[in-house]
């Protein structure tokens, strides 16, 4: 799995990097065919005060690309919301893949 964490208008500290990496382990626990993960952490000065910290993520898994974003007043809370959204998407994708492996009607008789 290739993991890229970058910051826009902020410096990605080692503590922040380890926090994001630890949270993203939850996704690889559900679905091990994750190819590429790109995380962008940013601070936007133009938006309202309580939604300034923003976290975005692109995930490339086998057969699909997923995107999620989250904004919060605290960057760690934004990362938590982001991982929750991505986790739901990955579980839904995994369920779709597994539903296609059912017995054909001919073999049930």
PDB file of N, CA and C in Angstrom:
ATOM      1  N   UNK A   1       0.840  -1.174   0.000  1.00  0.00           N
ATOM      2  CA  UNK A   1       0.000   0.000   0.000  1.00  0.00           C
ATOM      3  C   UNK A   1       0.885   1.237   0.000  1.00  0.00           C
ATOM      4  N   UNK A   2       0.665   2.105  -0.960  1.00  0.00           N
ATOM      5  CA  UNK A   2       1.379   3.381  -1.022  1.00  0.00           C
ATOM      6  C   UNK A   2       0.564   4.421  -0.271  1.00  0.00           C
ATOM      7  N   UNK A   3       1.198   5.077   0.690  1.00  0.00           N
ATOM      8  CA  UNK A   3       0.525   6.084   1.499  1.00  0.00           C
ATOM      9  C   UNK A   3       1.229   7.414   1.313  1.00  0.00           C
ATOM     10  N   UNK A   4       0.472   8.428   0.910  1.00  0.00           N
ATOM     11  CA  UNK A   4       0.999   9.774   0.736  1.00  0.00           C
ATOM     12  C   UNK A   4       0.182  10.720   1.600  1.00  0.00           C
ATOM     13  N   UNK A   5       0.849  11.400   2.523  1.00  0.00           N
ATOM     14  CA  UNK A   5       0.187  12.377   3.379  1.00  0.00           C
ATOM     15  C   UNK A   5       0.823  13.729   3.097  1.00  0.00           C
ATOM     16  N   UNK A   6       0.028  14.675   2.666  1.00  0.00           N
ATOM     17  CA  UNK A   6       0.554  16.002   2.358  1.00  0.00           C
ATOM     18  C   UNK A   6      -0.301  17.062   3.038  1.00  0.00           C
ATOM     19  N   UNK A   7       0.286  18.226   3.220  1.00  0.00           N
ATOM     20  CA  UNK A   7      -0.401  19.329   3.867  1.00  0.00           C
ATOM     21  C   UNK A   7      -0.460  20.544   2.974  1.00  0.00           C
ATOM     22  N   UNK A   8      -1.550  21.251   3.058  1.00  0.00           N
ATOM     23  CA  UNK A   8      -1.729  22.484   2.298  1.00  0.00           C
ATOM     24  C   UNK A   8      -1.962  23.601   3.301  1.00  0.00           C
ATOM     25  N   UNK A   9      -1.060  24.547   3.366  1.00  0.00           N
ATOM     26  CA  UNK A   9      -1.064  25.642   4.337  1.00  0.00           C
ATOM     27  C   UNK A   9      -0.806  25.164   5.764  1.00  0.00           C
ATOM     28  N   UNK A  10      -0.201  23.999   5.913  1.00  0.00           N
ATOM     29  CA  UNK A  10       0.215  23.535   7.225  1.00  0.00           C
ATOM     30  C   UNK A  10       1.331  22.514   7.061  1.00  0.00           C
ATOM     31  N   UNK A  11       2.097  22.368   8.105  1.00  0.00           N
ATOM     32  CA  UNK A  11       3.182  21.395   8.109  1.00  0.00           C
ATOM     33  C   UNK A  11       2.676  20.111   8.749  1.00  0.00           C
ATOM     34  N   UNK A  12       2.939  18.990   8.083  1.00  0.00           N
ATOM     35  CA  UNK A  12       2.516  17.698   8.603  1.00  0.00           C
ATOM     36  C   UNK A  12       3.579  17.225   9.598  1.00  0.00           C
ATOM     37  N   UNK A  13       3.239  17.272  10.870  1.00  0.00           N
ATOM     38  CA  UNK A  13       4.176  16.893  11.920  1.00  0.00           C
ATOM     39  C   UNK A  13       4.228  15.368  12.035  1.00  0.00           C
ATOM     40  N   UNK A  14       5.286  14.838  12.637  1.00  0.00           N
ATOM     41  CA  UNK A  14       5.350  13.381  12.830  1.00  0.00           C
ATOM     42  C   UNK A  14       4.187  12.834  13.667  1.00  0.00           C
ATOM     43  N   UNK A  15       3.726  13.607  14.644  1.00  0.00           N
ATOM     44  CA  UNK A  15       2.592  13.162  15.457  1.00  0.00           C
ATOM     45  C   UNK A  15       1.324  13.066  14.603  1.00  0.00           C
ATOM     46  N   UNK A  16       1.101  14.054  13.755  1.00  0.00           N
ATOM     47  CA  UNK A  16      -0.066  14.045  12.878  1.00  0.00           C
ATOM     48  C   UNK A  16       0.043  12.911  11.865  1.00  0.00           C
ATOM     49  N   UNK A  17       1.228  12.693  11.335  1.00  0.00           N
ATOM     50  CA  UNK A  17       1.454  11.615  10.372  1.00  0.00           C
ATOM     51  C   UNK A  17       1.173  10.242  11.005  1.00  0.00           C
ATOM     52  N   UNK A  18       1.643  10.037  12.228  1.00  0.00           N
ATOM     53  CA  UNK A  18       1.415   8.754  12.884  1.00  0.00           C
ATOM     54  C   UNK A  18      -0.058   8.568  13.246  1.00  0.00           C
ATOM     55  N   UNK A  19      -0.754   9.665  13.574  1.00  0.00           N
ATOM     56  CA  UNK A  19      -2.179   9.588  13.893  1.00  0.00           C
ATOM     57  C   UNK A  19      -2.979   9.161  12.668  1.00  0.00           C
ATOM     58  N   UNK A  20      -2.684   9.782  11.523  1.00  0.00           N
ATOM     59  CA  UNK A  20      -3.394   9.443  10.287  1.00  0.00           C
ATOM     60  C   UNK A  20      -3.085   8.002   9.882  1.00  0.00           C
ATOM     61  N   UNK A  21      -1.835   7.601   9.996  1.00  0.00           N
ATOM     62  CA  UNK A  21      -1.442   6.241   9.640  1.00  0.00           C
ATOM     63  C   UNK A  21      -2.140   5.222  10.533  1.00  0.00           C
ATOM     64  N   UNK A  22      -2.216   5.502  11.814  1.00  0.00           N
ATOM     65  CA  UNK A  22      -2.899   4.604  12.735  1.00  0.00           C
ATOM     66  C   UNK A  22      -4.381   4.481  12.436  1.00  0.00           C
ATOM     67  N   UNK A  23      -5.001   5.593  12.073  1.00  0.00           N
ATOM     68  CA  UNK A  23      -6.426   5.553  11.748  1.00  0.00           C
ATOM     69  C   UNK A  23      -6.684   4.807  10.442  1.00  0.00           C
ATOM     70  N   UNK A  24      -5.798   4.941   9.475  1.00  0.00           N
ATOM     71  CA  UNK A  24      -5.995   4.284   8.188  1.00  0.00           C
ATOM     72  C   UNK A  24      -5.756   2.780   8.262  1.00  0.00           C
ATOM     73  N   UNK A  25      -5.167   2.302   9.345  1.00  0.00           N
ATOM     74  CA  UNK A  25      -5.014   0.860   9.528  1.00  0.00           C
ATOM     75  C   UNK A  25      -6.369   0.174   9.640  1.00  0.00           C
ATOM     76  N   UNK A  26      -7.377   0.924  10.077  1.00  0.00           N
ATOM     77  CA  UNK A  26      -8.725   0.389  10.184  1.00  0.00           C
ATOM     78  C   UNK A  26      -9.262  -0.028   8.816  1.00  0.00           C
ATOM     79  N   UNK A  27      -8.903   0.733   7.787  1.00  0.00           N
ATOM     80  CA  UNK A  27      -9.380   0.429   6.436  1.00  0.00           C
ATOM     81  C   UNK A  27      -8.702  -0.822   5.904  1.00  0.00           C
ATOM     82  N   UNK A  28      -7.410  -0.946   6.133  1.00  0.00           N
ATOM     83  CA  UNK A  28      -6.709  -2.132   5.641  1.00  0.00           C
ATOM     84  C   UNK A  28      -7.099  -3.374   6.431  1.00  0.00           C
ATOM     85  N   UNK A  29      -7.631  -3.199   7.620  1.00  0.00           N
ATOM     86  CA  UNK A  29      -8.118  -4.332   8.390  1.00  0.00           C
ATOM     87  C   UNK A  29      -9.369  -4.926   7.748  1.00  0.00           C
ATOM     88  N   UNK A  30     -10.221  -4.055   7.152  1.00  0.00           N
ATOM     89  CA  UNK A  30     -11.439  -4.530   6.506  1.00  0.00           C
ATOM     90  C   UNK A  30     -11.184  -5.066   5.106  1.00  0.00           C
ATOM     91  N   UNK A  31     -10.285  -4.421   4.385  1.00  0.00           N
ATOM     92  CA  UNK A  31     -10.091  -4.734   2.967  1.00  0.00           C
ATOM     93  C   UNK A  31      -8.607  -4.647   2.675  1.00  0.00           C
ATOM     94  N   UNK A  32      -7.982  -5.769   2.369  1.00  0.00           N
ATOM     95  CA  UNK A  32      -6.530  -5.793   2.240  1.00  0.00           C
ATOM     96  C   UNK A  32      -6.036  -5.491   0.828  1.00  0.00           C
ATOM     97  N   UNK A  33      -6.934  -5.251  -0.133  1.00  0.00           N
ATOM     98  CA  UNK A  33      -6.513  -4.982  -1.502  1.00  0.00           C
ATOM     99  C   UNK A  33      -6.440  -3.484  -1.799  1.00  0.00           C
ATOM    100  N   UNK A  34      -6.002  -2.703  -0.833  1.00  0.00           N
ATOM    101  CA  UNK A  34      -5.835  -1.266  -1.020  1.00  0.00           C
ATOM    102  C   UNK A  34      -4.509  -1.038  -1.722  1.00  0.00           C
ATOM    103  N   UNK A  35      -4.542  -0.347  -2.861  1.00  0.00           N
ATOM    104  CA  UNK A  35      -3.345  -0.137  -3.662  1.00  0.00           C
ATOM    105  C   UNK A  35      -2.663   1.172  -3.294  1.00  0.00           C
ATOM    106  N   UNK A  36      -3.452   2.251  -3.227  1.00  0.00           N
ATOM    107  CA  UNK A  36      -2.870   3.582  -3.077  1.00  0.00           C
ATOM    108  C   UNK A  36      -3.793   4.444  -2.211  1.00  0.00           C
ATOM    109  N   UNK A  37      -3.184   5.210  -1.293  1.00  0.00           N
ATOM    110  CA  UNK A  37      -3.934   6.128  -0.432  1.00  0.00           C
ATOM    111  C   UNK A  37      -3.249   7.485  -0.471  1.00  0.00           C
ATOM    112  N   UNK A  38      -4.007   8.522  -0.783  1.00  0.00           N
ATOM    113  CA  UNK A  38      -3.484   9.890  -0.788  1.00  0.00           C
ATOM    114  C   UNK A  38      -4.338  10.731   0.156  1.00  0.00           C
ATOM    115  N   UNK A  39      -3.702  11.308   1.165  1.00  0.00           N
ATOM    116  CA  UNK A  39      -4.400  12.125   2.162  1.00  0.00           C
ATOM    117  C   UNK A  39      -3.905  13.562   2.027  1.00  0.00           C
ATOM    118  N   UNK A  40      -4.826  14.504   1.974  1.00  0.00           N
ATOM    119  CA  UNK A  40      -4.495  15.917   1.918  1.00  0.00           C
ATOM    120  C   UNK A  40      -5.122  16.600   3.124  1.00  0.00           C
ATOM    121  N   UNK A  41      -4.288  17.182   3.969  1.00  0.00           N
ATOM    122  CA  UNK A  41      -4.736  17.923   5.140  1.00  0.00           C
ATOM    123  C   UNK A  41      -4.536  19.400   4.850  1.00  0.00           C
ATOM    124  N   UNK A  42      -5.550  20.213   5.102  1.00  0.00           N
ATOM    125  CA  UNK A  42      -5.432  21.627   4.755  1.00  0.00           C
ATOM    126  C   UNK A  42      -6.179  22.496   5.752  1.00  0.00           C
ATOM    127  N   UNK A  43      -5.785  23.760   5.749  1.00  0.00           N
ATOM    128  CA  UNK A  43      -6.466  24.795   6.524  1.00  0.00           C
ATOM    129  C   UNK A  43      -6.929  25.842   5.523  1.00  0.00           C
ATOM    130  N   UNK A  44      -8.213  26.126   5.540  1.00  0.00           N
ATOM    131  CA  UNK A  44      -8.757  27.107   4.613  1.00  0.00           C
ATOM    132  C   UNK A  44      -9.118  28.369   5.377  1.00  0.00           C
ATOM    133  N   UNK A  45      -8.543  29.464   4.978  1.00  0.00           N
ATOM    134  CA  UNK A  45      -8.773  30.728   5.666  1.00  0.00           C
ATOM    135  C   UNK A  45     -10.062  31.410   5.220  1.00  0.00           C
ATOM    136  N   UNK A  46     -10.575  31.026   4.067  1.00  0.00           N
ATOM    137  CA  UNK A  46     -11.735  31.717   3.519  1.00  0.00           C
ATOM    138  C   UNK A  46     -13.054  31.256   4.141  1.00  0.00           C
ATOM    139  N   UNK A  47     -13.100  30.029   4.620  1.00  0.00           N
ATOM    140  CA  UNK A  47     -14.364  29.492   5.106  1.00  0.00           C
ATOM    141  C   UNK A  47     -14.650  29.946   6.530  1.00  0.00           C
ATOM    142  N   UNK A  48     -15.814  29.577   7.023  1.00  0.00           N
ATOM    143  CA  UNK A  48     -16.220  29.987   8.365  1.00  0.00           C
ATOM    144  C   UNK A  48     -15.304  29.381   9.420  1.00  0.00           C
ATOM    145  N   UNK A  49     -15.331  29.938  10.597  1.00  0.00           N
ATOM    146  CA  UNK A  49     -14.358  29.623  11.637  1.00  0.00           C
ATOM    147  C   UNK A  49     -14.430  28.171  12.105  1.00  0.00           C
ATOM    148  N   UNK A  50     -15.626  27.609  12.244  1.00  0.00           N
ATOM    149  CA  UNK A  50     -15.726  26.280  12.845  1.00  0.00           C
ATOM    150  C   UNK A  50     -15.459  25.140  11.865  1.00  0.00           C
ATOM    151  N   UNK A  51     -15.330  25.404  10.595  1.00  0.00           N
ATOM    152  CA  UNK A  51     -15.065  24.351   9.610  1.00  0.00           C
ATOM    153  C   UNK A  51     -13.796  24.641   8.805  1.00  0.00           C
ATOM    154  N   UNK A  52     -12.769  25.151   9.447  1.00  0.00           N
ATOM    155  CA  UNK A  52     -11.550  25.537   8.737  1.00  0.00           C
ATOM    156  C   UNK A  52     -10.632  24.366   8.430  1.00  0.00           C
ATOM    157  N   UNK A  53     -10.501  23.437   9.340  1.00  0.00           N
ATOM    158  CA  UNK A  53      -9.581  22.313   9.177  1.00  0.00           C
ATOM    159  C   UNK A  53     -10.246  21.287   8.263  1.00  0.00           C
ATOM    160  N   UNK A  54      -9.546  20.885   7.210  1.00  0.00           N
ATOM    161  CA  UNK A  54     -10.152  20.004   6.218  1.00  0.00           C
ATOM    162  C   UNK A  54      -9.233  18.822   5.946  1.00  0.00           C
ATOM    163  N   UNK A  55      -9.820  17.648   5.818  1.00  0.00           N
ATOM    164  CA  UNK A  55      -9.080  16.437   5.487  1.00  0.00           C
ATOM    165  C   UNK A  55      -9.762  15.778   4.290  1.00  0.00           C
ATOM    166  N   UNK A  56      -8.968  15.438   3.276  1.00  0.00           N
ATOM    167  CA  UNK A  56      -9.476  14.780   2.073  1.00  0.00           C
ATOM    168  C   UNK A  56      -8.651  13.529   1.834  1.00  0.00           C
ATOM    169  N   UNK A  57      -9.272  12.534   1.223  1.00  0.00           N
ATOM    170  CA  UNK A  57      -8.556  11.288   0.973  1.00  0.00           C
ATOM    171  C   UNK A  57      -9.056  10.645  -0.313  1.00  0.00           C
ATOM    172  N   UNK A  58      -8.122  10.195  -1.134  1.00  0.00           N
ATOM    173  CA  UNK A  58      -8.402   9.378  -2.309  1.00  0.00           C
ATOM    174  C   UNK A  58      -7.840   8.001  -2.050  1.00  0.00           C
ATOM    175  N   UNK A  59      -8.656   6.984  -2.243  1.00  0.00           N
ATOM    176  CA  UNK A  59      -8.208   5.606  -2.069  1.00  0.00           C
ATOM    177  C   UNK A  59      -8.429   4.868  -3.377  1.00  0.00           C
ATOM    178  N   UNK A  60      -7.398   4.182  -3.819  1.00  0.00           N
ATOM    179  CA  UNK A  60      -7.501   3.336  -4.996  1.00  0.00           C
ATOM    180  C   UNK A  60      -7.427   1.891  -4.530  1.00  0.00           C
ATOM    181  N   UNK A  61      -8.542   1.184  -4.656  1.00  0.00           N
ATOM    182  CA  UNK A  61      -8.578  -0.236  -4.318  1.00  0.00           C
ATOM    183  C   UNK A  61      -8.748  -1.009  -5.619  1.00  0.00           C
ATOM    184  N   UNK A  62      -8.608  -2.295  -5.526  1.00  0.00           N
ATOM    185  CA  UNK A  62      -8.735  -3.122  -6.714  1.00  0.00           C
ATOM    186  C   UNK A  62     -10.156  -3.021  -7.256  1.00  0.00           C
ATOM    187  N   UNK A  63     -10.299  -2.372  -8.408  1.00  0.00           N
ATOM    188  CA  UNK A  63     -11.602  -2.265  -9.049  1.00  0.00           C
ATOM    189  C   UNK A  63     -12.371  -0.992  -8.789  1.00  0.00           C
ATOM    190  N   UNK A  64     -11.858  -0.070  -7.959  1.00  0.00           N
ATOM    191  CA  UNK A  64     -12.648   1.122  -7.654  1.00  0.00           C
ATOM    192  C   UNK A  64     -11.752   2.219  -7.085  1.00  0.00           C
ATOM    193  N   UNK A  65     -12.184   3.456  -7.250  1.00  0.00           N
ATOM    194  CA  UNK A  65     -11.558   4.609  -6.611  1.00  0.00           C
ATOM    195  C   UNK A  65     -12.584   5.230  -5.680  1.00  0.00           C
ATOM    196  N   UNK A  66     -12.140   5.613  -4.483  1.00  0.00           N
ATOM    197  CA  UNK A  66     -13.042   6.210  -3.502  1.00  0.00           C
ATOM    198  C   UNK A  66     -12.479   7.549  -3.043  1.00  0.00           C
ATOM    199  N   UNK A  67     -13.388   8.468  -2.753  1.00  0.00           N
ATOM    200  CA  UNK A  67     -13.012   9.796  -2.284  1.00  0.00           C
ATOM    201  C   UNK A  67     -13.906  10.173  -1.120  1.00  0.00           C
ATOM    202  N   UNK A  68     -13.297  10.814  -0.124  1.00  0.00           N
ATOM    203  CA  UNK A  68     -14.074  11.341   0.996  1.00  0.00           C
ATOM    204  C   UNK A  68     -13.381  12.594   1.502  1.00  0.00           C
ATOM    205  N   UNK A  69     -14.176  13.499   2.060  1.00  0.00           N
ATOM    206  CA  UNK A  69     -13.615  14.701   2.659  1.00  0.00           C
ATOM    207  C   UNK A  69     -14.402  15.034   3.916  1.00  0.00           C
ATOM    208  N   UNK A  70     -13.738  15.730   4.808  1.00  0.00           N
ATOM    209  CA  UNK A  70     -14.359  16.100   6.071  1.00  0.00           C
ATOM    210  C   UNK A  70     -13.763  17.424   6.524  1.00  0.00           C
ATOM    211  N   UNK A  71     -14.586  18.256   7.136  1.00  0.00           N
ATOM    212  CA  UNK A  71     -14.129  19.541   7.654  1.00  0.00           C
ATOM    213  C   UNK A  71     -14.610  19.686   9.093  1.00  0.00           C
ATOM    214  N   UNK A  72     -13.741  20.230   9.934  1.00  0.00           N
ATOM    215  CA  UNK A  72     -14.059  20.380  11.351  1.00  0.00           C
ATOM    216  C   UNK A  72     -13.178  21.487  11.908  1.00  0.00           C
ATOM    217  N   UNK A  73     -13.483  21.937  13.112  1.00  0.00           N
ATOM    218  CA  UNK A  73     -12.646  22.970  13.729  1.00  0.00           C
ATOM    219  C   UNK A  73     -11.340  22.398  14.271  1.00  0.00           C
ATOM    220  N   UNK A  74     -11.292  21.084  14.506  1.00  0.00           N
ATOM    221  CA  UNK A  74     -10.093  20.401  14.970  1.00  0.00           C
ATOM    222  C   UNK A  74      -9.660  19.418  13.887  1.00  0.00           C
ATOM    223  N   UNK A  75      -8.377  19.436  13.538  1.00  0.00           N
ATOM    224  CA  UNK A  75      -7.892  18.589  12.460  1.00  0.00           C
ATOM    225  C   UNK A  75      -7.976  17.112  12.813  1.00  0.00           C
ATOM    226  N   UNK A  76      -7.747  16.765  14.063  1.00  0.00           N
ATOM    227  CA  UNK A  76      -7.841  15.371  14.484  1.00  0.00           C
ATOM    228  C   UNK A  76      -9.282  14.859  14.377  1.00  0.00           C
ATOM    229  N   UNK A  77     -10.245  15.705  14.717  1.00  0.00           N
ATOM    230  CA  UNK A  77     -11.653  15.328  14.574  1.00  0.00           C
ATOM    231  C   UNK A  77     -12.025  15.188  13.100  1.00  0.00           C
ATOM    232  N   UNK A  78     -11.455  16.038  12.251  1.00  0.00           N
ATOM    233  CA  UNK A  78     -11.701  15.928  10.814  1.00  0.00           C
ATOM    234  C   UNK A  78     -11.155  14.607  10.278  1.00  0.00           C
ATOM    235  N   UNK A  79      -9.993  14.191  10.763  1.00  0.00           N
ATOM    236  CA  UNK A  79      -9.413  12.913  10.340  1.00  0.00           C
ATOM    237  C   UNK A  79     -10.291  11.756  10.817  1.00  0.00           C
ATOM    238  N   UNK A  80     -10.832  11.858  12.033  1.00  0.00           N
ATOM    239  CA  UNK A  80     -11.721  10.815  12.549  1.00  0.00           C
ATOM    240  C   UNK A  80     -12.970  10.669  11.675  1.00  0.00           C
ATOM    241  N   UNK A  81     -13.597  11.787  11.322  1.00  0.00           N
ATOM    242  CA  UNK A  81     -14.777  11.754  10.464  1.00  0.00           C
ATOM    243  C   UNK A  81     -14.438  11.193   9.093  1.00  0.00           C
ATOM    244  N   UNK A  82     -13.282  11.575   8.581  1.00  0.00           N
ATOM    245  CA  UNK A  82     -12.840  11.113   7.273  1.00  0.00           C
ATOM    246  C   UNK A  82     -12.679   9.594   7.262  1.00  0.00           C
ATOM    247  N   UNK A  83     -12.039   9.064   8.267  1.00  0.00           N
ATOM    248  CA  UNK A  83     -11.812   7.615   8.322  1.00  0.00           C
ATOM    249  C   UNK A  83     -13.134   6.868   8.495  1.00  0.00           C
ATOM    250  N   UNK A  84     -14.076   7.439   9.239  1.00  0.00           N
ATOM    251  CA  UNK A  84     -15.394   6.815   9.366  1.00  0.00           C
ATOM    252  C   UNK A  84     -16.096   6.725   8.005  1.00  0.00           C
ATOM    253  N   UNK A  85     -16.039   7.814   7.239  1.00  0.00           N
ATOM    254  CA  UNK A  85     -16.657   7.815   5.911  1.00  0.00           C
ATOM    255  C   UNK A  85     -15.979   6.801   4.988  1.00  0.00           C
ATOM    256  N   UNK A  86     -14.657   6.782   4.997  1.00  0.00           N
ATOM    257  CA  UNK A  86     -13.933   5.849   4.137  1.00  0.00           C
ATOM    258  C   UNK A  86     -14.189   4.404   4.555  1.00  0.00           C
ATOM    259  N   UNK A  87     -14.290   4.173   5.835  1.00  0.00           N
ATOM    260  CA  UNK A  87     -14.542   2.827   6.337  1.00  0.00           C
ATOM    261  C   UNK A  87     -15.888   2.314   5.826  1.00  0.00           C
ATOM    262  N   UNK A  88     -16.904   3.158   5.862  1.00  0.00           N
ATOM    263  CA  UNK A  88     -18.217   2.757   5.350  1.00  0.00           C
ATOM    264  C   UNK A  88     -18.152   2.462   3.854  1.00  0.00           C
ATOM    265  N   UNK A  89     -17.423   3.283   3.103  1.00  0.00           N
ATOM    266  CA  UNK A  89     -17.303   3.065   1.668  1.00  0.00           C
ATOM    267  C   UNK A  89     -16.580   1.763   1.355  1.00  0.00           C
ATOM    268  N   UNK A  90     -15.512   1.483   2.095  1.00  0.00           N
ATOM    269  CA  UNK A  90     -14.736   0.273   1.845  1.00  0.00           C
ATOM    270  C   UNK A  90     -15.550  -0.970   2.193  1.00  0.00           C
ATOM    271  N   UNK A  91     -16.279  -0.941   3.298  1.00  0.00           N
ATOM    272  CA  UNK A  91     -17.108  -2.089   3.679  1.00  0.00           C
ATOM    273  C   UNK A  91     -18.211  -2.314   2.650  1.00  0.00           C
ATOM    274  N   UNK A  92     -18.813  -1.244   2.158  1.00  0.00           N
ATOM    275  CA  UNK A  92     -19.851  -1.361   1.137  1.00  0.00           C
ATOM    276  C   UNK A  92     -19.279  -1.943  -0.157  1.00  0.00           C
ATOM    277  N   UNK A  93     -18.073  -1.497  -0.539  1.00  0.00           N
ATOM    278  CA  UNK A  93     -17.410  -2.026  -1.735  1.00  0.00           C
ATOM    279  C   UNK A  93     -17.095  -3.506  -1.568  1.00  0.00           C
ATOM    280  N   UNK A  94     -16.640  -3.886  -0.401  1.00  0.00           N
ATOM    281  CA  UNK A  94     -16.323  -5.286  -0.135  1.00  0.00           C
ATOM    282  C   UNK A  94     -17.581  -6.150  -0.188  1.00  0.00           C
ATOM    283  N   UNK A  95     -18.693  -5.647   0.345  1.00  0.00           N
ATOM    284  CA  UNK A  95     -19.952  -6.386   0.292  1.00  0.00           C
ATOM    285  C   UNK A  95     -20.427  -6.573  -1.145  1.00  0.00           C
ATOM    286  N   UNK A  96     -20.262  -5.547  -1.968  1.00  0.00           N
ATOM    287  CA  UNK A  96     -20.654  -5.663  -3.373  1.00  0.00           C
ATOM    288  C   UNK A  96     -19.832  -6.726  -4.083  1.00  0.00           C
ATOM    289  N   UNK A  97     -18.560  -6.800  -3.771  1.00  0.00           N
ATOM    290  CA  UNK A  97     -17.709  -7.812  -4.399  1.00  0.00           C
ATOM    291  C   UNK A  97     -18.098  -9.216  -3.968  1.00  0.00           C
ATOM    292  N   UNK A  98     -18.460  -9.381  -2.720  1.00  0.00           N
ATOM    293  CA  UNK A  98     -18.772 -10.707  -2.204  1.00  0.00           C
ATOM    294  C   UNK A  98     -20.171 -11.179  -2.581  1.00  0.00           C
ATOM    295  N   UNK A  99     -21.073 -10.291  -2.918  1.00  0.00           N
ATOM    296  CA  UNK A  99     -22.435 -10.694  -3.253  1.00  0.00           C
ATOM    297  C   UNK A  99     -22.523 -11.387  -4.609  1.00  0.00           C
ATOM    298  N   UNK A 100     -21.555 -11.238  -5.459  1.00  0.00           N
ATOM    299  CA  UNK A 100     -21.600 -11.821  -6.793  1.00  0.00           C
ATOM    300  C   UNK A 100     -21.159 -13.278  -6.813  1.00  0.00           C
ATOM    301  N   UNK A 101     -20.790 -13.821  -5.689  1.00  0.00           N
ATOM    302  CA  UNK A 101     -20.319 -15.198  -5.639  1.00  0.00           C
ATOM    303  C   UNK A 101     -21.383 -16.090  -4.998  1.00  0.00           C
ATOM    304  N   UNK A 102     -22.498 -16.249  -5.681  1.00  0.00           N
ATOM    305  CA  UNK A 102     -23.558 -17.097  -5.165  1.00  0.00           C
ATOM    306  C   UNK A 102     -23.778 -18.265  -6.128  1.00  0.00           C
ATOM    307  N   UNK A 103     -24.459 -19.273  -5.642  1.00  0.00           N
ATOM    308  CA  UNK A 103     -24.729 -20.440  -6.467  1.00  0.00           C
ATOM    309  C   UNK A 103     -25.711 -20.089  -7.578  1.00  0.00           C
ATOM    310  N   UNK A 104     -25.491 -20.656  -8.735  1.00  0.00           N
ATOM    311  CA  UNK A 104     -26.424 -20.425  -9.834  1.00  0.00           C
ATOM    312  C   UNK A 104     -27.689 -21.233  -9.602  1.00  0.00           C
ATOM    313  N   UNK A 105     -28.828 -20.809 -10.164  1.00  0.00           N
ATOM    314  CA  UNK A 105     -30.084 -21.539  -9.933  1.00  0.00           C
ATOM    315  C   UNK A 105     -30.050 -22.985 -10.449  1.00  0.00           C
ATOM    316  N   UNK A 106     -29.228 -23.283 -11.450  1.00  0.00           N
ATOM    317  CA  UNK A 106     -29.150 -24.637 -11.978  1.00  0.00           C
ATOM    318  C   UNK A 106     -28.590 -25.606 -10.944  1.00  0.00           C
ATOM    319  N   UNK A 107     -27.649 -25.150 -10.153  1.00  0.00           N
ATOM    320  CA  UNK A 107     -26.973 -26.041  -9.219  1.00  0.00           C
ATOM    321  C   UNK A 107     -27.755 -26.229  -7.914  1.00  0.00           C
ATOM    322  N   UNK A 108     -28.760 -25.443  -7.688  1.00  0.00           N
ATOM    323  CA  UNK A 108     -29.542 -25.567  -6.471  1.00  0.00           C
ATOM    324  C   UNK A 108     -30.523 -26.736  -6.525  1.00  0.00           C
ATOM    325  N   UNK A 109     -30.844 -27.209  -7.713  1.00  0.00           N
ATOM    326  CA  UNK A 109     -31.823 -28.312  -7.845  1.00  0.00           C
ATOM    327  C   UNK A 109     -31.209 -29.640  -7.644  1.00  0.00           C
TER     328      UNK A 109
END
